[in-house]
Amino acid sequence: MELTSKQRAQLRSMANDLDTIVHVGKDGVGENLIKQADDALEARELIKGKVLENSPLSPREGAEELAKATRSQVVQVIGTKFVLYRETHGKPKEKRIKLVK
């Protein structure tokens, strides 16, 4: 399911308060990073990441590669930071993020 612009805006505003928990470094997007991001997405649904200066990838490339590997969606990329979203099935419905229609 593709996110609408209203849903992206909602997720962007929710991501403002998030801490950066995923860092793409000189190794690019490796297995450990994918596992870390996958676990974080399952627990939180919405995560913020950063592409470090020593990374061979641009912030857009890093976000898209990580999103593809974790079956998530890129909400936004600003500067070196990015936000990913994936609906979780491990939480009860009332604790999941409710997207606007």
N, C-alpha and C. Protein backbone atom coordinates (compact mmCIF):
# COMPACT_ATOMS: atom_id res chain seq x y z
N MET A 1 0.84 -1.19 0.00
CA MET A 1 0.00 0.00 0.00
C MET A 1 0.88 1.25 0.00
N GLU A 2 0.62 2.13 -0.92
CA GLU A 2 1.38 3.38 -1.01
C GLU A 2 0.78 4.41 -0.05
N LEU A 3 1.63 5.19 0.60
CA LEU A 3 1.16 6.22 1.52
C LEU A 3 0.63 7.43 0.76
N THR A 4 -0.46 8.01 1.25
CA THR A 4 -0.97 9.25 0.66
C THR A 4 -0.19 10.43 1.24
N SER A 5 -0.35 11.60 0.66
CA SER A 5 0.37 12.78 1.16
C SER A 5 -0.08 13.14 2.58
N LYS A 6 -1.36 12.94 2.88
CA LYS A 6 -1.84 13.22 4.24
C LYS A 6 -1.23 12.25 5.24
N GLN A 7 -1.11 10.99 4.86
CA GLN A 7 -0.50 9.99 5.74
C GLN A 7 0.98 10.29 5.95
N ARG A 8 1.65 10.70 4.88
CA ARG A 8 3.07 11.07 5.01
C ARG A 8 3.23 12.26 5.96
N ALA A 9 2.35 13.25 5.83
CA ALA A 9 2.40 14.43 6.71
C ALA A 9 2.19 14.01 8.16
N GLN A 10 1.24 13.12 8.39
CA GLN A 10 0.96 12.62 9.74
C GLN A 10 2.20 11.92 10.30
N LEU A 11 2.81 11.05 9.52
CA LEU A 11 3.99 10.31 9.98
C LEU A 11 5.19 11.23 10.17
N ARG A 12 5.35 12.24 9.30
CA ARG A 12 6.44 13.21 9.46
C ARG A 12 6.32 13.95 10.78
N SER A 13 5.11 14.35 11.13
CA SER A 13 4.92 15.08 12.39
C SER A 13 5.18 14.17 13.58
N MET A 14 4.82 12.90 13.47
CA MET A 14 5.09 11.95 14.56
C MET A 14 6.59 11.69 14.71
N ALA A 15 7.32 11.75 13.59
CA ALA A 15 8.76 11.44 13.60
C ALA A 15 9.60 12.58 14.18
N ASN A 16 9.02 13.78 14.31
CA ASN A 16 9.79 14.91 14.84
C ASN A 16 10.40 14.62 16.20
N ASP A 17 9.68 13.89 17.04
CA ASP A 17 10.14 13.64 18.41
C ASP A 17 11.02 12.39 18.54
N LEU A 18 11.17 11.63 17.46
CA LEU A 18 11.92 10.38 17.52
C LEU A 18 13.42 10.62 17.57
N ASP A 19 14.11 9.71 18.27
CA ASP A 19 15.58 9.72 18.26
C ASP A 19 16.06 8.91 17.06
N THR A 20 17.22 9.24 16.57
CA THR A 20 17.82 8.50 15.46
C THR A 20 18.37 7.18 16.01
N ILE A 21 17.86 6.06 15.49
CA ILE A 21 18.30 4.76 16.03
C ILE A 21 19.05 3.90 15.01
N VAL A 22 19.00 4.27 13.74
CA VAL A 22 19.68 3.49 12.70
C VAL A 22 20.70 4.39 12.02
N HIS A 23 21.94 3.90 11.93
CA HIS A 23 23.01 4.67 11.29
C HIS A 23 23.62 3.87 10.15
N VAL A 24 23.58 4.42 8.94
CA VAL A 24 24.21 3.79 7.78
C VAL A 24 25.62 4.35 7.69
N GLY A 25 26.61 3.47 7.89
CA GLY A 25 28.00 3.90 7.91
C GLY A 25 28.79 3.49 6.68
N LYS A 26 30.09 3.29 6.88
CA LYS A 26 30.99 3.02 5.76
C LYS A 26 30.71 1.69 5.07
N ASP A 27 30.04 0.76 5.76
CA ASP A 27 29.72 -0.54 5.16
C ASP A 27 28.43 -0.51 4.36
N GLY A 28 27.75 0.63 4.34
CA GLY A 28 26.48 0.73 3.62
C GLY A 28 25.38 -0.03 4.34
N VAL A 29 24.48 -0.63 3.58
CA VAL A 29 23.36 -1.37 4.16
C VAL A 29 23.74 -2.85 4.18
N GLY A 30 24.17 -3.33 5.36
CA GLY A 30 24.57 -4.72 5.52
C GLY A 30 23.52 -5.53 6.27
N GLU A 31 23.81 -6.82 6.47
CA GLU A 31 22.85 -7.71 7.14
C GLU A 31 22.53 -7.27 8.55
N ASN A 32 23.55 -6.84 9.31
CA ASN A 32 23.31 -6.42 10.69
C ASN A 32 22.41 -5.19 10.75
N LEU A 33 22.65 -4.25 9.86
CA LEU A 33 21.83 -3.03 9.82
C LEU A 33 20.38 -3.36 9.44
N ILE A 34 20.22 -4.26 8.47
CA ILE A 34 18.88 -4.66 8.05
C ILE A 34 18.14 -5.33 9.21
N LYS A 35 18.83 -6.21 9.94
CA LYS A 35 18.22 -6.90 11.10
C LYS A 35 17.83 -5.88 12.17
N GLN A 36 18.72 -4.95 12.46
CA GLN A 36 18.44 -3.92 13.47
C GLN A 36 17.23 -3.08 13.07
N ALA A 37 17.19 -2.64 11.82
CA ALA A 37 16.07 -1.82 11.34
C ALA A 37 14.77 -2.63 11.32
N ASP A 38 14.85 -3.89 10.92
CA ASP A 38 13.67 -4.75 10.86
C ASP A 38 13.07 -4.94 12.26
N ASP A 39 13.93 -5.21 13.24
CA ASP A 39 13.46 -5.37 14.63
C ASP A 39 12.84 -4.08 15.15
N ALA A 40 13.49 -2.95 14.85
CA ALA A 40 12.98 -1.65 15.31
C ALA A 40 11.63 -1.33 14.67
N LEU A 41 11.49 -1.63 13.38
CA LEU A 41 10.21 -1.38 12.70
C LEU A 41 9.10 -2.25 13.27
N GLU A 42 9.42 -3.49 13.60
CA GLU A 42 8.41 -4.39 14.17
C GLU A 42 7.95 -3.89 15.53
N ALA A 43 8.88 -3.33 16.30
CA ALA A 43 8.55 -2.84 17.63
C ALA A 43 7.89 -1.47 17.62
N ARG A 44 8.32 -0.58 16.70
CA ARG A 44 7.90 0.82 16.75
C ARG A 44 7.06 1.29 15.58
N GLU A 45 7.15 0.63 14.45
CA GLU A 45 6.47 0.99 13.20
C GLU A 45 7.11 2.18 12.48
N LEU A 46 7.62 3.15 13.22
CA LEU A 46 8.18 4.37 12.65
C LEU A 46 9.57 4.58 13.24
N ILE A 47 10.59 4.64 12.38
CA ILE A 47 11.96 4.83 12.87
C ILE A 47 12.66 5.94 12.09
N LYS A 48 13.64 6.53 12.76
CA LYS A 48 14.44 7.58 12.13
C LYS A 48 15.87 7.07 12.01
N GLY A 49 16.46 7.32 10.85
CA GLY A 49 17.83 6.89 10.61
C GLY A 49 18.68 8.02 10.06
N LYS A 50 19.97 7.76 10.00
CA LYS A 50 20.90 8.77 9.51
C LYS A 50 21.97 8.09 8.66
N VAL A 51 22.34 8.75 7.57
CA VAL A 51 23.44 8.27 6.73
C VAL A 51 24.66 9.10 7.10
N LEU A 52 25.70 8.42 7.60
CA LEU A 52 26.91 9.10 8.05
C LEU A 52 27.74 9.57 6.85
N GLU A 53 28.62 10.53 7.10
CA GLU A 53 29.44 11.11 6.03
C GLU A 53 30.36 10.09 5.37
N ASN A 54 30.79 9.06 6.12
CA ASN A 54 31.72 8.08 5.55
C ASN A 54 31.00 6.97 4.77
N SER A 55 29.70 7.08 4.62
CA SER A 55 28.93 6.09 3.87
C SER A 55 29.10 6.28 2.37
N PRO A 56 29.17 5.17 1.62
CA PRO A 56 29.27 5.29 0.16
C PRO A 56 27.92 5.68 -0.49
N LEU A 57 26.85 5.63 0.28
CA LEU A 57 25.50 5.91 -0.24
C LEU A 57 25.06 7.34 0.08
N SER A 58 24.25 7.90 -0.79
CA SER A 58 23.62 9.19 -0.47
C SER A 58 22.48 8.89 0.52
N PRO A 59 21.99 9.91 1.22
CA PRO A 59 20.88 9.67 2.15
C PRO A 59 19.66 9.04 1.46
N ARG A 60 19.32 9.50 0.26
CA ARG A 60 18.17 8.94 -0.47
C ARG A 60 18.41 7.47 -0.82
N GLU A 61 19.63 7.17 -1.32
CA GLU A 61 19.96 5.79 -1.69
C GLU A 61 19.93 4.87 -0.47
N GLY A 62 20.51 5.34 0.64
CA GLY A 62 20.53 4.54 1.87
C GLY A 62 19.13 4.25 2.38
N ALA A 63 18.28 5.27 2.38
CA ALA A 63 16.90 5.11 2.85
C ALA A 63 16.13 4.14 1.96
N GLU A 64 16.27 4.29 0.64
CA GLU A 64 15.53 3.43 -0.28
C GLU A 64 16.02 1.99 -0.23
N GLU A 65 17.33 1.80 -0.10
CA GLU A 65 17.88 0.45 -0.02
C GLU A 65 17.43 -0.25 1.26
N LEU A 66 17.45 0.49 2.37
CA LEU A 66 17.02 -0.07 3.65
C LEU A 66 15.52 -0.35 3.64
N ALA A 67 14.74 0.54 3.04
CA ALA A 67 13.29 0.34 2.94
C ALA A 67 12.97 -0.91 2.13
N LYS A 68 13.69 -1.10 1.03
CA LYS A 68 13.46 -2.28 0.18
C LYS A 68 13.80 -3.55 0.95
N ALA A 69 14.91 -3.54 1.68
CA ALA A 69 15.36 -4.73 2.42
C ALA A 69 14.43 -5.07 3.59
N THR A 70 13.78 -4.06 4.16
CA THR A 70 12.91 -4.30 5.33
C THR A 70 11.42 -4.27 4.97
N ARG A 71 11.11 -4.14 3.68
CA ARG A 71 9.72 -4.07 3.19
C ARG A 71 8.96 -2.93 3.88
N SER A 72 9.63 -1.79 4.01
CA SER A 72 9.01 -0.62 4.63
C SER A 72 8.91 0.49 3.58
N GLN A 73 8.43 1.65 4.00
CA GLN A 73 8.28 2.78 3.07
C GLN A 73 9.06 3.98 3.59
N VAL A 74 9.67 4.70 2.66
CA VAL A 74 10.38 5.93 3.01
C VAL A 74 9.33 7.03 3.19
N VAL A 75 9.29 7.62 4.38
CA VAL A 75 8.35 8.70 4.64
C VAL A 75 8.96 10.02 4.19
N GLN A 76 10.23 10.24 4.56
CA GLN A 76 10.91 11.47 4.15
C GLN A 76 12.41 11.30 4.24
N VAL A 77 13.11 12.14 3.50
CA VAL A 77 14.57 12.24 3.58
C VAL A 77 14.87 13.73 3.64
N ILE A 78 15.52 14.15 4.73
CA ILE A 78 15.90 15.56 4.88
C ILE A 78 17.36 15.59 5.31
N GLY A 79 18.20 16.23 4.51
CA GLY A 79 19.62 16.28 4.83
C GLY A 79 20.19 14.87 4.85
N THR A 80 20.78 14.49 5.98
CA THR A 80 21.34 13.15 6.11
C THR A 80 20.39 12.20 6.83
N LYS A 81 19.24 12.69 7.27
CA LYS A 81 18.30 11.86 8.04
C LYS A 81 17.14 11.39 7.18
N PHE A 82 16.58 10.25 7.59
CA PHE A 82 15.43 9.69 6.88
C PHE A 82 14.49 9.02 7.88
N VAL A 83 13.25 8.84 7.46
CA VAL A 83 12.22 8.21 8.30
C VAL A 83 11.60 7.07 7.51
N LEU A 84 11.49 5.90 8.16
CA LEU A 84 10.87 4.73 7.54
C LEU A 84 9.63 4.33 8.33
N TYR A 85 8.64 3.77 7.63
CA TYR A 85 7.41 3.30 8.25
C TYR A 85 7.05 1.93 7.71
N ARG A 86 6.62 1.04 8.62
CA ARG A 86 6.05 -0.24 8.23
C ARG A 86 5.04 -0.64 9.31
N GLU A 87 3.85 -0.98 8.88
CA GLU A 87 2.83 -1.42 9.83
C GLU A 87 3.28 -2.72 10.47
N THR A 88 3.10 -2.83 11.78
CA THR A 88 3.49 -4.03 12.50
C THR A 88 2.28 -4.93 12.69
N HIS A 89 2.55 -6.20 12.82
CA HIS A 89 1.47 -7.14 13.10
C HIS A 89 1.70 -7.77 14.47
N GLY A 90 2.74 -7.35 15.16
CA GLY A 90 3.07 -7.88 16.47
C GLY A 90 2.38 -7.16 17.61
N LYS A 91 1.75 -6.04 17.33
CA LYS A 91 1.06 -5.26 18.37
C LYS A 91 -0.44 -5.42 18.21
N PRO A 92 -1.19 -5.28 19.31
CA PRO A 92 -2.64 -5.27 19.17
C PRO A 92 -3.08 -4.04 18.36
N LYS A 93 -4.22 -4.13 17.70
CA LYS A 93 -4.69 -3.04 16.81
C LYS A 93 -4.75 -1.69 17.50
N GLU A 94 -5.17 -1.65 18.76
CA GLU A 94 -5.32 -0.36 19.44
C GLU A 94 -3.98 0.31 19.76
N LYS A 95 -2.89 -0.42 19.71
CA LYS A 95 -1.58 0.18 20.00
C LYS A 95 -0.80 0.53 18.74
N ARG A 96 -1.32 0.20 17.57
CA ARG A 96 -0.65 0.52 16.31
C ARG A 96 -0.91 1.98 15.93
N ILE A 97 -0.07 2.49 15.03
CA ILE A 97 -0.28 3.84 14.51
C ILE A 97 -1.52 3.82 13.61
N LYS A 98 -2.43 4.72 13.88
CA LYS A 98 -3.64 4.82 13.06
C LYS A 98 -3.43 5.91 12.03
N LEU A 99 -3.35 5.50 10.77
CA LEU A 99 -3.14 6.46 9.68
C LEU A 99 -4.46 7.10 9.29
N VAL A 100 -4.40 8.36 8.90
CA VAL A 100 -5.59 9.05 8.39
C VAL A 100 -5.96 8.45 7.04
N LYS A 101 -7.20 8.57 6.67
CA LYS A 101 -7.67 7.99 5.38
C LYS A 101 -7.43 8.94 4.23
